[in-house]
Amino acid sequence: ETAEERDLTLAIRQKQSEIEQARRKWSNRKQRLKGEREEEEDTLRELLEKDKKREYERVEREMNGLRSNFEYQLTAEKKWMDEFKRDSKHRNEWICVFKPAMVARKKPVEDGPVARRIMLDEVVKAKGEVTEDNWVQLDGSGDWALTWHQKHGRLLQQWHGPEQQKFLDLQKKIEERRKIRNQTFVDYRRKKKEIEQWSIPPGPSQEELYEIEDEEGEHLASLLE
């Protein structure tokens, strides 16, 4: 074996040693990063669960407070309407607000036999209160009329003669308050759902992992040059 061959063998072994050291270095680095990430995830997960619980409880407290307030509002609104109707001289009277006319039926079903037409602005008297599915029975004939239709909207409006505008204003006020209550609870339900979906940030992306591998490959390639 010549001196030149010995030098070449030594250089090859030295290069192999450098490459192996570099590989161990990169392997240790990846293991360290993995361990740090797992430890960080555990800490973040613990903190996240505490934050979620605290925020969820805060939202629940606010909602419970609003429920009490809204229940008070409902009681007040019912009192307003009851007092107005009690003082009204036009009890159980309804005016047709659907153009050009609507129909009264023999039975309280939408496909029931037609009894007669009720023209726009015609006032009819009902026997009692509106049913849960928006029907009123007409006094005298016993026919049925729908006060509100899913497709056509309002058909009959309660009638209070000279006090009609006052009634409409009161009805509008109550309706606006109802919409605010509904929207408030929709917003709070959305907030609770958002809290439930809170999660810790994801680990290194596939692109970041590729970058680490590329950096490792470039370093090893430089050792081979």
Protein backbone atom coordinates (compact mmCIF):
# COMPACT_ATOMS: atom_id res chain seq x y z
CA GLU A 1 0.00 0.00 0.00
CA THR A 2 1.51 3.27 -1.11
CA ALA A 3 1.57 6.47 0.90
CA GLU A 4 -0.95 7.98 -1.52
CA GLU A 5 -3.37 5.08 -0.98
CA ARG A 6 -2.98 5.36 2.79
CA ASP A 7 -3.74 9.08 2.65
CA LEU A 8 -6.82 8.42 0.48
CA THR A 9 -8.07 5.72 2.88
CA LEU A 10 -7.55 8.05 5.82
CA ALA A 11 -9.38 10.87 4.05
CA ILE A 12 -12.32 8.58 3.23
CA ARG A 13 -12.56 7.35 6.82
CA GLN A 14 -12.38 10.91 8.12
CA LYS A 15 -15.12 12.00 5.72
CA GLN A 16 -17.28 9.02 6.75
CA SER A 17 -16.77 9.98 10.39
CA GLU A 18 -17.82 13.58 9.67
CA ILE A 19 -20.93 12.41 7.82
CA GLU A 20 -21.86 10.06 10.66
CA GLN A 21 -21.37 12.82 13.21
CA ALA A 22 -23.53 15.14 11.12
CA ARG A 23 -26.27 12.51 10.88
CA ARG A 24 -26.19 11.96 14.64
CA LYS A 25 -26.31 15.72 15.16
CA TRP A 26 -29.39 16.08 12.93
CA SER A 27 -31.06 13.07 14.51
CA ASN A 28 -30.48 14.49 17.99
CA ARG A 29 -31.80 17.86 16.82
CA LYS A 30 -35.00 16.33 15.47
CA GLN A 31 -35.49 14.30 18.64
CA ARG A 32 -34.91 17.40 20.75
CA LEU A 33 -37.38 19.41 18.68
CA LYS A 34 -39.92 16.61 18.97
CA GLY A 35 -39.50 16.43 22.74
CA GLU A 36 -39.72 20.19 23.12
CA ARG A 37 -42.84 20.24 20.97
CA GLU A 38 -44.53 17.48 22.97
CA GLU A 39 -43.70 19.21 26.25
CA GLU A 40 -44.96 22.51 24.85
CA GLU A 41 -48.17 20.87 23.62
CA ASP A 42 -48.85 19.40 27.07
CA THR A 43 -48.42 22.81 28.67
CA LEU A 44 -50.52 24.54 26.03
CA ARG A 45 -53.24 21.91 26.29
CA GLU A 46 -53.43 22.34 30.06
CA LEU A 47 -53.58 26.13 29.78
CA LEU A 48 -56.13 25.90 26.99
CA GLU A 49 -58.49 23.71 29.01
CA LYS A 50 -58.32 26.18 31.90
CA ASP A 51 -59.03 29.09 29.55
CA LYS A 52 -61.93 27.24 27.93
CA LYS A 53 -63.47 26.41 31.30
CA ARG A 54 -63.08 29.97 32.58
CA GLU A 55 -64.50 31.55 29.42
CA TYR A 56 -67.34 29.03 29.18
CA GLU A 57 -68.35 29.74 32.79
CA ARG A 58 -68.21 33.49 32.14
CA VAL A 59 -70.54 33.15 29.15
CA GLU A 60 -72.92 30.96 31.15
CA ARG A 61 -73.05 33.54 33.95
CA GLU A 62 -73.83 36.30 31.48
CA MET A 63 -76.53 34.19 29.82
CA ASN A 64 -78.14 33.37 33.17
CA GLY A 65 -78.21 37.07 34.02
CA LEU A 66 -79.78 37.86 30.66
CA ARG A 67 -82.39 35.13 31.11
CA SER A 68 -83.56 36.74 34.34
CA ASN A 69 -83.66 40.14 32.67
CA PHE A 70 -85.51 38.79 29.64
CA GLU A 71 -88.05 36.99 31.82
CA TYR A 72 -88.77 40.32 33.49
CA GLN A 73 -89.19 41.92 30.06
CA LEU A 74 -91.62 39.21 28.95
CA THR A 75 -93.70 39.72 32.09
CA ALA A 76 -93.78 43.47 31.50
CA GLU A 77 -94.69 43.10 27.82
CA LYS A 78 -97.53 40.70 28.62
CA LYS A 79 -98.81 43.19 31.20
CA TRP A 80 -98.71 46.03 28.65
CA MET A 81 -100.68 44.04 26.10
CA ASP A 82 -103.17 42.66 28.64
CA GLU A 83 -103.88 46.16 29.95
CA PHE A 84 -104.29 47.55 26.46
CA LYS A 85 -106.74 44.81 25.43
CA ARG A 86 -108.63 45.14 28.70
CA ASP A 87 -109.22 48.84 28.09
CA SER A 88 -110.02 48.41 24.40
CA LYS A 89 -113.63 48.65 23.22
CA HIS A 90 -112.86 46.36 20.28
CA ARG A 91 -112.24 42.95 21.79
CA ASN A 92 -111.56 39.92 19.60
CA GLU A 93 -111.93 42.01 16.45
CA TRP A 94 -109.69 41.48 13.44
CA ILE A 95 -109.14 43.44 10.24
CA CYS A 96 -108.07 41.89 6.94
CA VAL A 97 -104.68 43.28 5.82
CA PHE A 98 -104.13 40.92 2.89
CA LYS A 99 -104.73 42.28 -0.63
CA PRO A 100 -107.17 41.96 -2.28
CA ALA A 101 -108.93 39.44 -0.02
CA MET A 102 -108.52 36.23 1.96
CA VAL A 103 -110.84 33.29 2.62
CA ALA A 104 -112.52 31.87 5.69
CA ARG A 105 -112.82 28.09 5.82
CA LYS A 106 -115.23 25.61 7.33
CA LYS A 107 -112.40 23.87 9.18
CA PRO A 108 -109.12 25.20 10.65
CA VAL A 109 -106.95 23.57 7.95
CA GLU A 110 -105.44 25.23 4.89
CA ASP A 111 -107.17 22.87 2.45
CA GLY A 112 -110.54 23.01 4.25
CA PRO A 113 -113.71 23.95 2.32
CA VAL A 114 -113.96 27.67 1.60
CA ALA A 115 -116.78 29.38 3.52
CA ARG A 116 -116.47 32.94 2.21
CA ARG A 117 -114.10 35.74 1.23
CA ILE A 118 -112.95 38.41 3.65
CA MET A 119 -112.09 41.61 1.79
CA LEU A 120 -109.18 43.96 2.53
CA ASP A 121 -109.98 46.28 5.50
CA GLU A 122 -113.05 44.22 6.43
CA VAL A 123 -113.40 43.77 10.18
CA VAL A 124 -114.55 40.42 11.61
CA LYS A 125 -115.19 39.32 15.19
CA ALA A 126 -113.71 36.15 16.65
CA LYS A 127 -115.14 33.92 19.35
CA GLY A 128 -111.93 33.63 21.34
CA GLU A 129 -108.15 33.67 21.25
CA VAL A 130 -105.87 32.59 18.40
CA THR A 131 -104.94 28.91 18.30
CA GLU A 132 -101.31 27.77 18.40
CA ASP A 133 -101.37 27.31 14.62
CA ASN A 134 -102.71 30.86 14.00
CA TRP A 135 -106.43 30.22 13.47
CA VAL A 136 -109.37 32.18 14.89
CA GLN A 137 -112.98 31.02 14.87
CA LEU A 138 -115.37 33.69 13.64
CA ASP A 139 -118.29 34.71 15.80
CA GLY A 140 -121.71 33.87 14.41
CA SER A 141 -120.82 31.65 11.45
CA GLY A 142 -118.31 29.46 13.27
CA ASP A 143 -116.01 29.62 10.24
CA TRP A 144 -112.24 29.70 10.65
CA ALA A 145 -109.75 32.31 9.41
CA LEU A 146 -105.97 32.14 9.38
CA THR A 147 -104.27 35.17 10.95
CA TRP A 148 -100.78 34.47 9.63
CA HIS A 149 -99.52 32.33 6.74
CA GLN A 150 -96.01 30.98 6.35
CA LYS A 151 -95.82 32.05 2.70
CA HIS A 152 -98.06 35.16 2.60
CA GLY A 153 -97.33 36.56 6.07
CA ARG A 154 -99.91 38.54 8.03
CA LEU A 155 -103.53 38.02 6.86
CA LEU A 156 -105.54 39.33 9.81
CA GLN A 157 -104.44 42.03 12.24
CA GLN A 158 -106.07 42.68 15.61
CA TRP A 159 -108.38 45.68 15.37
CA HIS A 160 -108.82 48.35 18.05
CA GLY A 161 -110.60 51.13 16.19
CA PRO A 162 -109.31 54.65 17.00
CA GLU A 163 -106.59 53.08 19.19
CA GLN A 164 -105.22 50.99 16.31
CA GLN A 165 -102.01 52.99 15.82
CA LYS A 166 -101.29 52.84 19.53
CA PHE A 167 -101.75 49.07 19.38
CA LEU A 168 -99.46 48.75 16.34
CA ASP A 169 -96.77 50.84 18.04
CA LEU A 170 -96.95 48.65 21.14
CA GLN A 171 -96.86 45.51 19.03
CA LYS A 172 -93.83 46.84 17.11
CA LYS A 173 -92.00 47.68 20.32
CA ILE A 174 -92.59 44.19 21.71
CA GLU A 175 -91.51 42.58 18.42
CA GLU A 176 -88.28 44.60 18.31
CA ARG A 177 -87.44 43.58 21.86
CA ARG A 178 -88.15 39.94 20.98
CA LYS A 179 -85.78 40.11 18.00
CA ILE A 180 -83.04 41.58 20.18
CA ARG A 181 -83.50 38.78 22.73
CA ASN A 182 -83.38 36.11 20.05
CA GLN A 183 -80.28 37.58 18.41
CA THR A 184 -78.56 37.92 21.78
CA PHE A 185 -78.98 34.23 22.52
CA VAL A 186 -77.91 33.32 18.98
CA ASP A 187 -74.70 35.31 19.53
CA TYR A 188 -74.06 33.66 22.89
CA ARG A 189 -74.64 30.18 21.49
CA ARG A 190 -72.19 30.98 18.70
CA LYS A 191 -69.66 32.17 21.29
CA LYS A 192 -70.02 28.94 23.28
CA LYS A 193 -69.49 26.91 20.12
CA GLU A 194 -66.36 28.91 19.31
CA ILE A 195 -65.00 28.24 22.80
CA GLU A 196 -65.63 24.51 22.41
CA GLN A 197 -63.59 24.56 19.19
CA TRP A 198 -60.55 26.27 20.68
CA SER A 199 -57.44 24.13 20.10
CA ILE A 200 -53.68 24.37 20.49
CA PRO A 201 -51.64 25.44 17.45
CA PRO A 202 -50.69 22.57 15.14
CA GLY A 203 -47.15 21.16 15.20
CA PRO A 204 -44.60 21.72 12.43
CA SER A 205 -46.26 21.64 9.03
CA GLN A 206 -45.19 19.16 6.37
CA GLU A 207 -43.47 22.03 4.60
CA GLU A 208 -41.46 22.88 7.73
CA LEU A 209 -40.46 19.24 8.10
CA TYR A 210 -39.31 19.20 4.49
CA GLU A 211 -37.24 22.33 5.13
CA ILE A 212 -35.46 20.62 8.04
CA GLU A 213 -34.77 17.58 5.88
CA ASP A 214 -33.55 19.77 3.01
CA GLU A 215 -31.22 21.64 5.35
CA GLU A 216 -29.88 18.32 6.60
CA GLY A 217 -29.41 17.06 3.05
CA GLU A 218 -27.59 20.23 1.98
CA HIS A 219 -25.25 19.97 4.96
CA LEU A 220 -24.45 16.34 4.21
CA ALA A 221 -23.95 17.15 0.54
CA SER A 222 -21.45 19.86 1.45
CA LEU A 223 -19.45 17.27 3.38
CA LEU A 224 -19.22 15.09 0.28
CA GLU A 225 -17.85 17.88 -1.90
